Amino acid sequence: MTMKRLLLLLVVVLVAATTVCGQDTLRRHITPVKPVTNKTLPPARGTDEETIRRFLSGDTLAAAAEARRDSLRKAYTRYPLLTDMTLGFNFIDLPLMAFGQDYASVDVHATLNMWNRLQPVLELGMGWGRTSPDGLNFTYRAKPSPYVKLGANYNFMFKSEPRYQALLGVRLGYSAFRFEVSDIHYQNTYWREDIDLAIDGQHSHALWGEAVAGLRVAIWRQWSLGWTIRYHGLFNYGKNDNAQPWFIPGYGSKRQNIAFTFSVAYTIGKNN
């Protein structure tokens, strides 16, 4: 009876061992599955210490945002608040007057370049003119008178060197000026007399606005050339009982809405 129990126990042990070996063999033929984790990839090389600190502290969103800002800073140069200052001289009306234009306005201007984007502008100038219209019996003289313009430009090429710019801007202009009308000749048909008149010492003023588009390119070291086209319109001007102004210094003929400037300029600043 004891021998039978031993044989039965031996059979049970052998069966159990065979089963375990079979299961182990099956396990070795199953490809293990890598467990899913929330592991975050390390920051890219070259990331600053503050971004790495945020990453290690678990603030991965802030670290990613800072990395994006770093990449934008590396994409183009960020210029300081005061990038440079430019002094220029607009003289386009002088050669035009030599070719027959009846008036001229010349000015000097100063431009502050902020962040290579926003540019406050001050223009100070002098204007004069003279015309004797065909078929009319008078001569109009605009005495040399000053004008001033205040405004600003926006540089759309702020990612490039300050030496090359594409600009849009606005100006507010003002002038107080003098003029006279002389050589007025007409015939009195009743008395059959020739009469000559002159209207002297006339004063007026004008306020106007301008929309400006322009370019600036470097030509040599810190010297550059600039062009602008301007659309302008009068807000108001002083009206006289005896005569009306024909020319406004800094504006041009009262009947025209388009003007051009051509300037040579010198830039002061380490970024040029």
C-alpha atoms as a PDB file:
ATOM      1  CA  MET A   1       0.000   0.000   0.000  1.00  0.00           C
ATOM      2  CA  THR A   2       2.848   2.376   0.734  1.00  0.00           C
ATOM      3  CA  MET A   3       4.543   1.520  -2.590  1.00  0.00           C
ATOM      4  CA  LYS A   4       1.387   2.436  -4.547  1.00  0.00           C
ATOM      5  CA  ARG A   5       1.176   5.804  -2.855  1.00  0.00           C
ATOM      6  CA  LEU A   6       4.797   6.546  -3.713  1.00  0.00           C
ATOM      7  CA  LEU A   7       4.239   5.635  -7.370  1.00  0.00           C
ATOM      8  CA  LEU A   8       1.123   7.807  -7.517  1.00  0.00           C
ATOM      9  CA  LEU A   9       2.995  10.774  -5.983  1.00  0.00           C
ATOM     10  CA  LEU A  10       5.824  10.311  -8.502  1.00  0.00           C
ATOM     11  CA  VAL A  11       3.374  10.378 -11.406  1.00  0.00           C
ATOM     12  CA  VAL A  12       1.753  13.599 -10.093  1.00  0.00           C
ATOM     13  CA  VAL A  13       5.186  15.290  -9.786  1.00  0.00           C
ATOM     14  CA  LEU A  14       6.182  14.297 -13.333  1.00  0.00           C
ATOM     15  CA  VAL A  15       2.912  15.625 -14.771  1.00  0.00           C
ATOM     16  CA  ALA A  16       3.310  18.950 -12.932  1.00  0.00           C
ATOM     17  CA  ALA A  17       6.924  19.334 -14.099  1.00  0.00           C
ATOM     18  CA  THR A  18       5.958  18.699 -17.724  1.00  0.00           C
ATOM     19  CA  THR A  19       3.212  21.316 -17.542  1.00  0.00           C
ATOM     20  CA  VAL A  20       5.544  24.001 -16.121  1.00  0.00           C
ATOM     21  CA  CYS A  21       8.200  23.317 -18.780  1.00  0.00           C
ATOM     22  CA  GLY A  22       5.607  23.617 -21.532  1.00  0.00           C
ATOM     23  CA  GLN A  23       4.402  26.986 -20.253  1.00  0.00           C
ATOM     24  CA  ASP A  24       7.980  28.261 -20.010  1.00  0.00           C
ATOM     25  CA  THR A  25       8.599  27.208 -23.623  1.00  0.00           C
ATOM     26  CA  LEU A  26       5.486  29.083 -24.746  1.00  0.00           C
ATOM     27  CA  ARG A  27       6.658  32.227 -22.927  1.00  0.00           C
ATOM     28  CA  ARG A  28       9.993  32.175 -24.743  1.00  0.00           C
ATOM     29  CA  HIS A  29       8.166  32.272 -28.092  1.00  0.00           C
ATOM     30  CA  ILE A  30       6.027  35.368 -27.185  1.00  0.00           C
ATOM     31  CA  THR A  31       7.454  38.766 -28.216  1.00  0.00           C
ATOM     32  CA  PRO A  32       7.585  41.044 -25.184  1.00  0.00           C
ATOM     33  CA  VAL A  33       5.542  44.286 -25.396  1.00  0.00           C
ATOM     34  CA  LYS A  34       7.287  47.490 -24.333  1.00  0.00           C
ATOM     35  CA  PRO A  35       5.195  49.219 -21.672  1.00  0.00           C
ATOM     36  CA  VAL A  36       3.772  52.656 -22.474  1.00  0.00           C
ATOM     37  CA  THR A  37       5.265  55.465 -20.367  1.00  0.00           C
ATOM     38  CA  ASN A  38       4.981  59.275 -20.198  1.00  0.00           C
ATOM     39  CA  LYS A  39       8.689  59.755 -20.734  1.00  0.00           C
ATOM     40  CA  THR A  40       9.548  63.146 -22.409  1.00  0.00           C
ATOM     41  CA  LEU A  41      12.394  63.496 -24.872  1.00  0.00           C
ATOM     42  CA  PRO A  42      15.319  65.533 -23.552  1.00  0.00           C
ATOM     43  CA  PRO A  43      15.716  69.166 -24.744  1.00  0.00           C
ATOM     44  CA  ALA A  44      17.760  69.812 -27.852  1.00  0.00           C
ATOM     45  CA  ARG A  45      21.421  70.696 -27.646  1.00  0.00           C
ATOM     46  CA  GLY A  46      22.154  74.385 -27.265  1.00  0.00           C
ATOM     47  CA  THR A  47      19.094  75.084 -25.097  1.00  0.00           C
ATOM     48  CA  ASP A  48      19.877  77.609 -22.360  1.00  0.00           C
ATOM     49  CA  GLU A  49      20.134  76.681 -18.687  1.00  0.00           C
ATOM     50  CA  GLU A  50      16.808  78.276 -17.725  1.00  0.00           C
ATOM     51  CA  THR A  51      14.944  76.124 -20.271  1.00  0.00           C
ATOM     52  CA  ILE A  52      16.717  72.969 -18.992  1.00  0.00           C
ATOM     53  CA  ARG A  53      15.821  73.885 -15.411  1.00  0.00           C
ATOM     54  CA  ARG A  54      12.164  74.229 -16.356  1.00  0.00           C
ATOM     55  CA  PHE A  55      12.307  70.912 -18.177  1.00  0.00           C
ATOM     56  CA  LEU A  56      13.837  69.097 -15.211  1.00  0.00           C
ATOM     57  CA  SER A  57      11.330  70.657 -12.836  1.00  0.00           C
ATOM     58  CA  GLY A  58       8.500  69.199 -14.913  1.00  0.00           C
ATOM     59  CA  ASP A  59       7.351  72.457 -16.563  1.00  0.00           C
ATOM     60  CA  THR A  60       7.654  71.033 -20.069  1.00  0.00           C
ATOM     61  CA  LEU A  61       5.130  73.442 -21.637  1.00  0.00           C
ATOM     62  CA  ALA A  62       7.077  76.512 -20.511  1.00  0.00           C
ATOM     63  CA  ALA A  63      10.310  74.876 -21.638  1.00  0.00           C
ATOM     64  CA  ALA A  64       8.871  74.208 -25.099  1.00  0.00           C
ATOM     65  CA  ALA A  65       7.613  77.792 -25.400  1.00  0.00           C
ATOM     66  CA  GLU A  66      11.025  79.148 -24.412  1.00  0.00           C
ATOM     67  CA  ALA A  67      12.704  76.880 -26.952  1.00  0.00           C
ATOM     68  CA  ARG A  68      10.416  78.278 -29.665  1.00  0.00           C
ATOM     69  CA  ARG A  69      11.319  81.826 -28.664  1.00  0.00           C
ATOM     70  CA  ASP A  70      15.002  80.903 -28.775  1.00  0.00           C
ATOM     71  CA  SER A  71      14.579  79.571 -32.315  1.00  0.00           C
ATOM     72  CA  LEU A  72      12.874  82.828 -33.382  1.00  0.00           C
ATOM     73  CA  ARG A  73      15.691  84.881 -31.865  1.00  0.00           C
ATOM     74  CA  LYS A  74      18.200  82.849 -33.852  1.00  0.00           C
ATOM     75  CA  ALA A  75      16.195  83.325 -37.075  1.00  0.00           C
ATOM     76  CA  TYR A  76      16.992  87.069 -37.331  1.00  0.00           C
ATOM     77  CA  THR A  77      18.844  89.749 -35.407  1.00  0.00           C
ATOM     78  CA  ARG A  78      17.011  91.588 -32.652  1.00  0.00           C
ATOM     79  CA  TYR A  79      18.112  95.225 -32.718  1.00  0.00           C
ATOM     80  CA  PRO A  80      18.328  97.498 -29.657  1.00  0.00           C
ATOM     81  CA  LEU A  81      15.823 100.203 -28.754  1.00  0.00           C
ATOM     82  CA  LEU A  82      17.915 102.914 -30.439  1.00  0.00           C
ATOM     83  CA  THR A  83      19.419 101.145 -33.436  1.00  0.00           C
ATOM     84  CA  ASP A  84      20.821 104.272 -35.118  1.00  0.00           C
ATOM     85  CA  MET A  85      20.087 107.852 -36.175  1.00  0.00           C
ATOM     86  CA  THR A  86      20.040 109.186 -39.745  1.00  0.00           C
ATOM     87  CA  LEU A  87      20.494 112.772 -40.957  1.00  0.00           C
ATOM     88  CA  GLY A  88      19.401 113.506 -44.515  1.00  0.00           C
ATOM     89  CA  PHE A  89      18.972 116.256 -47.103  1.00  0.00           C
ATOM     90  CA  ASN A  90      16.083 116.266 -49.610  1.00  0.00           C
ATOM     91  CA  PHE A  91      16.995 118.256 -52.732  1.00  0.00           C
ATOM     92  CA  ILE A  92      14.893 116.793 -55.586  1.00  0.00           C
ATOM     93  CA  ASP A  93      13.139 120.128 -56.310  1.00  0.00           C
ATOM     94  CA  LEU A  94      16.404 121.918 -57.116  1.00  0.00           C
ATOM     95  CA  PRO A  95      17.126 120.015 -60.378  1.00  0.00           C
ATOM     96  CA  LEU A  96      13.392 119.989 -61.196  1.00  0.00           C
ATOM     97  CA  MET A  97      13.331 123.767 -60.878  1.00  0.00           C
ATOM     98  CA  ALA A  98      16.306 123.957 -63.242  1.00  0.00           C
ATOM     99  CA  PHE A  99      14.208 122.028 -65.793  1.00  0.00           C
ATOM    100  CA  GLY A 100      11.208 124.344 -65.567  1.00  0.00           C
ATOM    101  CA  GLN A 101       9.348 123.658 -62.318  1.00  0.00           C
ATOM    102  CA  ASP A 102       8.034 126.908 -60.826  1.00  0.00           C
ATOM    103  CA  TYR A 103       8.705 126.165 -57.140  1.00  0.00           C
ATOM    104  CA  ALA A 104      11.057 124.306 -54.803  1.00  0.00           C
ATOM    105  CA  SER A 105      11.036 122.887 -51.284  1.00  0.00           C
ATOM    106  CA  VAL A 106      14.248 121.599 -49.713  1.00  0.00           C
ATOM    107  CA  ASP A 107      14.655 120.198 -46.225  1.00  0.00           C
ATOM    108  CA  VAL A 108      16.910 118.439 -43.762  1.00  0.00           C
ATOM    109  CA  HIS A 109      15.473 115.553 -41.773  1.00  0.00           C
ATOM    110  CA  ALA A 110      16.435 113.514 -38.724  1.00  0.00           C
ATOM    111  CA  THR A 111      15.246 109.934 -38.202  1.00  0.00           C
ATOM    112  CA  LEU A 112      15.570 107.789 -35.078  1.00  0.00           C
ATOM    113  CA  ASN A 113      15.568 104.057 -35.855  1.00  0.00           C
ATOM    114  CA  MET A 114      13.993 102.123 -32.964  1.00  0.00           C
ATOM    115  CA  TRP A 115      14.352  98.306 -32.998  1.00  0.00           C
ATOM    116  CA  ASN A 116      14.993  98.733 -36.748  1.00  0.00           C
ATOM    117  CA  ARG A 117      11.186  99.017 -37.080  1.00  0.00           C
ATOM    118  CA  LEU A 118       9.590 102.225 -35.794  1.00  0.00           C
ATOM    119  CA  GLN A 119      11.172 105.509 -36.914  1.00  0.00           C
ATOM    120  CA  PRO A 120      10.097 108.922 -35.595  1.00  0.00           C
ATOM    121  CA  VAL A 121      10.952 111.615 -38.172  1.00  0.00           C
ATOM    122  CA  LEU A 122      11.436 115.405 -38.020  1.00  0.00           C
ATOM    123  CA  GLU A 123      11.729 117.437 -41.261  1.00  0.00           C
ATOM    124  CA  LEU A 124      12.676 121.133 -41.372  1.00  0.00           C
ATOM    125  CA  GLY A 125      12.756 122.995 -44.664  1.00  0.00           C
ATOM    126  CA  MET A 126      12.380 126.102 -46.773  1.00  0.00           C
ATOM    127  CA  GLY A 127      10.176 126.665 -49.831  1.00  0.00           C
ATOM    128  CA  TRP A 128       9.809 129.356 -52.481  1.00  0.00           C
ATOM    129  CA  GLY A 129       8.371 129.824 -55.969  1.00  0.00           C
ATOM    130  CA  ARG A 130       7.545 132.130 -58.859  1.00  0.00           C
ATOM    131  CA  THR A 131       5.162 131.765 -61.783  1.00  0.00           C
ATOM    132  CA  SER A 132       3.655 133.842 -64.573  1.00  0.00           C
ATOM    133  CA  PRO A 133       0.854 131.669 -66.001  1.00  0.00           C
ATOM    134  CA  ASP A 134       0.441 131.704 -69.764  1.00  0.00           C
ATOM    135  CA  GLY A 135      -2.494 133.802 -70.874  1.00  0.00           C
ATOM    136  CA  LEU A 136      -2.845 135.530 -67.499  1.00  0.00           C
ATOM    137  CA  ASN A 137      -1.688 139.033 -66.645  1.00  0.00           C
ATOM    138  CA  PHE A 138       0.064 138.606 -63.290  1.00  0.00           C
ATOM    139  CA  THR A 139       3.153 137.182 -61.608  1.00  0.00           C
ATOM    140  CA  TYR A 140       2.895 135.206 -58.367  1.00  0.00           C
ATOM    141  CA  ARG A 141       5.893 135.169 -56.023  1.00  0.00           C
ATOM    142  CA  ALA A 142       6.149 132.938 -52.974  1.00  0.00           C
ATOM    143  CA  LYS A 143       8.793 134.381 -50.673  1.00  0.00           C
ATOM    144  CA  PRO A 144      11.256 131.924 -49.043  1.00  0.00           C
ATOM    145  CA  SER A 145       9.329 130.594 -46.039  1.00  0.00           C
ATOM    146  CA  PRO A 146       9.907 127.750 -43.540  1.00  0.00           C
ATOM    147  CA  TYR A 147       7.940 124.578 -42.967  1.00  0.00           C
ATOM    148  CA  VAL A 148       8.063 121.671 -40.515  1.00  0.00           C
ATOM    149  CA  LYS A 149       6.850 118.068 -40.689  1.00  0.00           C
ATOM    150  CA  LEU A 150       6.486 115.523 -37.885  1.00  0.00           C
ATOM    151  CA  GLY A 151       5.740 111.842 -38.389  1.00  0.00           C
ATOM    152  CA  ALA A 152       6.975 108.274 -38.292  1.00  0.00           C
ATOM    153  CA  ASN A 153       7.921 105.392 -40.583  1.00  0.00           C
ATOM    154  CA  TYR A 154       7.571 101.634 -40.208  1.00  0.00           C
ATOM    155  CA  ASN A 155      10.381  99.532 -41.699  1.00  0.00           C
ATOM    156  CA  PHE A 156       9.042  96.297 -43.213  1.00  0.00           C
ATOM    157  CA  MET A 157      12.602  94.983 -43.680  1.00  0.00           C
ATOM    158  CA  PHE A 158      13.280  94.922 -39.929  1.00  0.00           C
ATOM    159  CA  LYS A 159      14.796  91.423 -40.217  1.00  0.00           C
ATOM    160  CA  SER A 160      17.513  92.734 -42.544  1.00  0.00           C
ATOM    161  CA  GLU A 161      20.360  95.188 -42.078  1.00  0.00           C
ATOM    162  CA  PRO A 162      19.342  98.760 -41.226  1.00  0.00           C
ATOM    163  CA  ARG A 163      21.248  99.832 -44.364  1.00  0.00           C
ATOM    164  CA  TYR A 164      18.346  98.592 -46.519  1.00  0.00           C
ATOM    165  CA  GLN A 165      14.759  99.563 -45.736  1.00  0.00           C
ATOM    166  CA  ALA A 166      11.252  99.507 -47.215  1.00  0.00           C
ATOM    167  CA  LEU A 167       9.077 102.094 -45.473  1.00  0.00           C
ATOM    168  CA  LEU A 168       5.494 103.202 -44.968  1.00  0.00           C
ATOM    169  CA  GLY A 169       4.758 106.273 -42.909  1.00  0.00           C
ATOM    170  CA  VAL A 170       2.720 109.370 -42.142  1.00  0.00           C
ATOM    171  CA  ARG A 171       3.534 113.079 -41.758  1.00  0.00           C
ATOM    172  CA  LEU A 172       1.807 116.146 -40.361  1.00  0.00           C
ATOM    173  CA  GLY A 173       3.046 119.351 -42.015  1.00  0.00           C
ATOM    174  CA  TYR A 174       2.701 123.034 -41.204  1.00  0.00           C
ATOM    175  CA  SER A 175       3.930 126.250 -42.834  1.00  0.00           C
ATOM    176  CA  ALA A 176       3.443 129.982 -42.241  1.00  0.00           C
ATOM    177  CA  PHE A 177       4.430 131.784 -45.432  1.00  0.00           C
ATOM    178  CA  ARG A 178       4.386 135.043 -47.391  1.00  0.00           C
ATOM    179  CA  PHE A 179       3.524 135.781 -51.000  1.00  0.00           C
ATOM    180  CA  GLU A 180       2.719 138.610 -53.379  1.00  0.00           C
ATOM    181  CA  VAL A 181       0.989 139.101 -56.717  1.00  0.00           C
ATOM    182  CA  SER A 182       2.545 141.701 -59.013  1.00  0.00           C
ATOM    183  CA  ASP A 183       2.508 142.866 -62.623  1.00  0.00           C
ATOM    184  CA  ILE A 184      -1.288 142.835 -62.657  1.00  0.00           C
ATOM    185  CA  HIS A 185      -2.253 144.625 -65.851  1.00  0.00           C
ATOM    186  CA  TYR A 186      -5.737 145.304 -67.180  1.00  0.00           C
ATOM    187  CA  GLN A 187      -7.538 147.914 -69.253  1.00  0.00           C
ATOM    188  CA  ASN A 188     -10.407 150.051 -68.020  1.00  0.00           C
ATOM    189  CA  THR A 189     -12.820 149.974 -70.929  1.00  0.00           C
ATOM    190  CA  TYR A 190     -14.851 152.932 -69.651  1.00  0.00           C
ATOM    191  CA  TRP A 191     -11.962 155.343 -69.194  1.00  0.00           C
ATOM    192  CA  ARG A 192      -9.825 153.616 -71.811  1.00  0.00           C
ATOM    193  CA  GLU A 193      -6.869 153.473 -69.441  1.00  0.00           C
ATOM    194  CA  ASP A 194      -4.190 150.813 -68.804  1.00  0.00           C
ATOM    195  CA  ILE A 195      -3.918 150.033 -65.083  1.00  0.00           C
ATOM    196  CA  ASP A 196      -1.051 148.234 -63.312  1.00  0.00           C
ATOM    197  CA  LEU A 197      -1.572 146.828 -59.801  1.00  0.00           C
ATOM    198  CA  ALA A 198       0.364 144.837 -57.193  1.00  0.00           C
ATOM    199  CA  ILE A 199      -0.828 142.979 -54.116  1.00  0.00           C
ATOM    200  CA  ASP A 200       2.081 142.942 -51.684  1.00  0.00           C
ATOM    201  CA  GLY A 201       2.728 141.589 -48.206  1.00  0.00           C
ATOM    202  CA  GLN A 202       0.239 138.725 -48.160  1.00  0.00           C
ATOM    203  CA  HIS A 203       0.463 136.203 -45.305  1.00  0.00           C
ATOM    204  CA  SER A 204      -1.047 132.756 -44.972  1.00  0.00           C
ATOM    205  CA  HIS A 205      -0.577 129.403 -43.255  1.00  0.00           C
ATOM    206  CA  ALA A 206      -1.434 125.769 -44.007  1.00  0.00           C
ATOM    207  CA  LEU A 207      -1.808 122.460 -42.189  1.00  0.00           C
ATOM    208  CA  TRP A 208      -1.755 119.183 -44.107  1.00  0.00           C
ATOM    209  CA  GLY A 209      -1.201 115.429 -43.808  1.00  0.00           C
ATOM    210  CA  GLU A 210       0.853 112.984 -45.878  1.00  0.00           C
ATOM    211  CA  ALA A 211       0.909 109.221 -46.471  1.00  0.00           C
ATOM    212  CA  VAL A 212       4.461 108.120 -47.347  1.00  0.00           C
ATOM    213  CA  ALA A 213       5.983 105.077 -49.078  1.00  0.00           C
ATOM    214  CA  GLY A 214       9.729 104.854 -49.631  1.00  0.00           C
ATOM    215  CA  LEU A 215      12.997 102.947 -50.004  1.00  0.00           C
ATOM    216  CA  ARG A 216      16.471 103.413 -48.589  1.00  0.00           C
ATOM    217  CA  VAL A 217      19.671 101.760 -49.849  1.00  0.00           C
ATOM    218  CA  ALA A 218      23.307 102.024 -48.762  1.00  0.00           C
ATOM    219  CA  ILE A 219      25.787 103.322 -51.320  1.00  0.00           C
ATOM    220  CA  TRP A 220      29.082 103.657 -49.429  1.00  0.00           C
ATOM    221  CA  ARG A 221      29.908 103.004 -45.792  1.00  0.00           C
ATOM    222  CA  GLN A 222      27.357 104.999 -43.757  1.00  0.00           C
ATOM    223  CA  TRP A 223      26.044 107.001 -46.722  1.00  0.00           C
ATOM    224  CA  SER A 224      22.710 106.067 -48.304  1.00  0.00           C
ATOM    225  CA  LEU A 225      20.107 107.272 -50.785  1.00  0.00           C
ATOM    226  CA  GLY A 226      16.368 107.428 -50.151  1.00  0.00           C
ATOM    227  CA  TRP A 227      13.242 107.874 -52.267  1.00  0.00           C
ATOM    228  CA  THR A 228       9.674 108.558 -51.179  1.00  0.00           C
ATOM    229  CA  ILE A 229       6.351 109.072 -52.919  1.00  0.00           C
ATOM    230  CA  ARG A 230       3.782 111.031 -50.928  1.00  0.00           C
ATOM    231  CA  TYR A 231       0.043 111.509 -51.185  1.00  0.00           C
ATOM    232  CA  HIS A 232      -0.992 114.622 -49.285  1.00  0.00           C
ATOM    233  CA  GLY A 233      -4.096 116.657 -48.594  1.00  0.00           C
ATOM    234  CA  LEU A 234      -4.802 120.012 -46.942  1.00  0.00           C
ATOM    235  CA  PHE A 235      -6.644 120.146 -43.639  1.00  0.00           C
ATOM    236  CA  ASN A 236      -6.951 123.938 -43.756  1.00  0.00           C
ATOM    237  CA  TYR A 237      -5.157 127.075 -44.954  1.00  0.00           C
ATOM    238  CA  GLY A 238      -5.431 130.806 -44.380  1.00  0.00           C
ATOM    239  CA  LYS A 239      -7.629 132.625 -46.909  1.00  0.00           C
ATOM    240  CA  ASN A 240      -7.028 136.278 -47.799  1.00  0.00           C
ATOM    241  CA  ASP A 241      -9.516 138.761 -49.205  1.00  0.00           C
ATOM    242  CA  ASN A 242      -7.106 140.075 -51.835  1.00  0.00           C
ATOM    243  CA  ALA A 243      -5.435 136.874 -53.095  1.00  0.00           C
ATOM    244  CA  GLN A 244      -5.321 133.127 -52.492  1.00  0.00           C
ATOM    245  CA  PRO A 245      -2.063 131.161 -52.087  1.00  0.00           C
ATOM    246  CA  TRP A 246      -0.972 129.113 -55.080  1.00  0.00           C
ATOM    247  CA  PHE A 247       2.150 127.523 -53.558  1.00  0.00           C
ATOM    248  CA  ILE A 248       2.643 126.166 -50.015  1.00  0.00           C
ATOM    249  CA  PRO A 249       6.228 125.531 -48.807  1.00  0.00           C
ATOM    250  CA  GLY A 250       6.768 121.829 -48.129  1.00  0.00           C
ATOM    251  CA  TYR A 251       3.526 120.952 -49.886  1.00  0.00           C
ATOM    252  CA  GLY A 252       3.910 122.310 -53.403  1.00  0.00           C
ATOM    253  CA  SER A 253       1.185 123.542 -55.676  1.00  0.00           C
ATOM    254  CA  LYS A 254      -2.152 123.687 -53.871  1.00  0.00           C
ATOM    255  CA  ARG A 255      -3.783 121.840 -56.776  1.00  0.00           C
ATOM    256  CA  GLN A 256      -1.516 118.760 -56.612  1.00  0.00           C
ATOM    257  CA  ASN A 257      -1.837 115.767 -54.291  1.00  0.00           C
ATOM    258  CA  ILE A 258       1.292 113.776 -55.236  1.00  0.00           C
ATOM    259  CA  ALA A 259       4.887 114.688 -54.335  1.00  0.00           C
ATOM    260  CA  PHE A 260       8.290 112.988 -54.482  1.00  0.00           C
ATOM    261  CA  THR A 261      11.480 113.312 -52.459  1.00  0.00           C
ATOM    262  CA  PHE A 262      15.041 112.204 -53.133  1.00  0.00           C
ATOM    263  CA  SER A 263      17.555 112.368 -50.287  1.00  0.00           C
ATOM    264  CA  VAL A 264      21.166 111.681 -49.481  1.00  0.00           C
ATOM    265  CA  ALA A 265      21.679 110.637 -45.870  1.00  0.00           C
ATOM    266  CA  TYR A 266      24.361 109.797 -43.313  1.00  0.00           C
ATOM    267  CA  THR A 267      23.685 107.267 -40.563  1.00  0.00           C
ATOM    268  CA  ILE A 268      25.198 107.429 -37.086  1.00  0.00           C
ATOM    269  CA  GLY A 269      25.210 104.077 -35.287  1.00  0.00           C
ATOM    270  CA  LYS A 270      27.299 100.971 -34.661  1.00  0.00           C
ATOM    271  CA  ASN A 271      24.909  98.747 -36.631  1.00  0.00           C
ATOM    272  CA  ASN A 272      25.847 100.354 -39.948  1.00  0.00           C
END
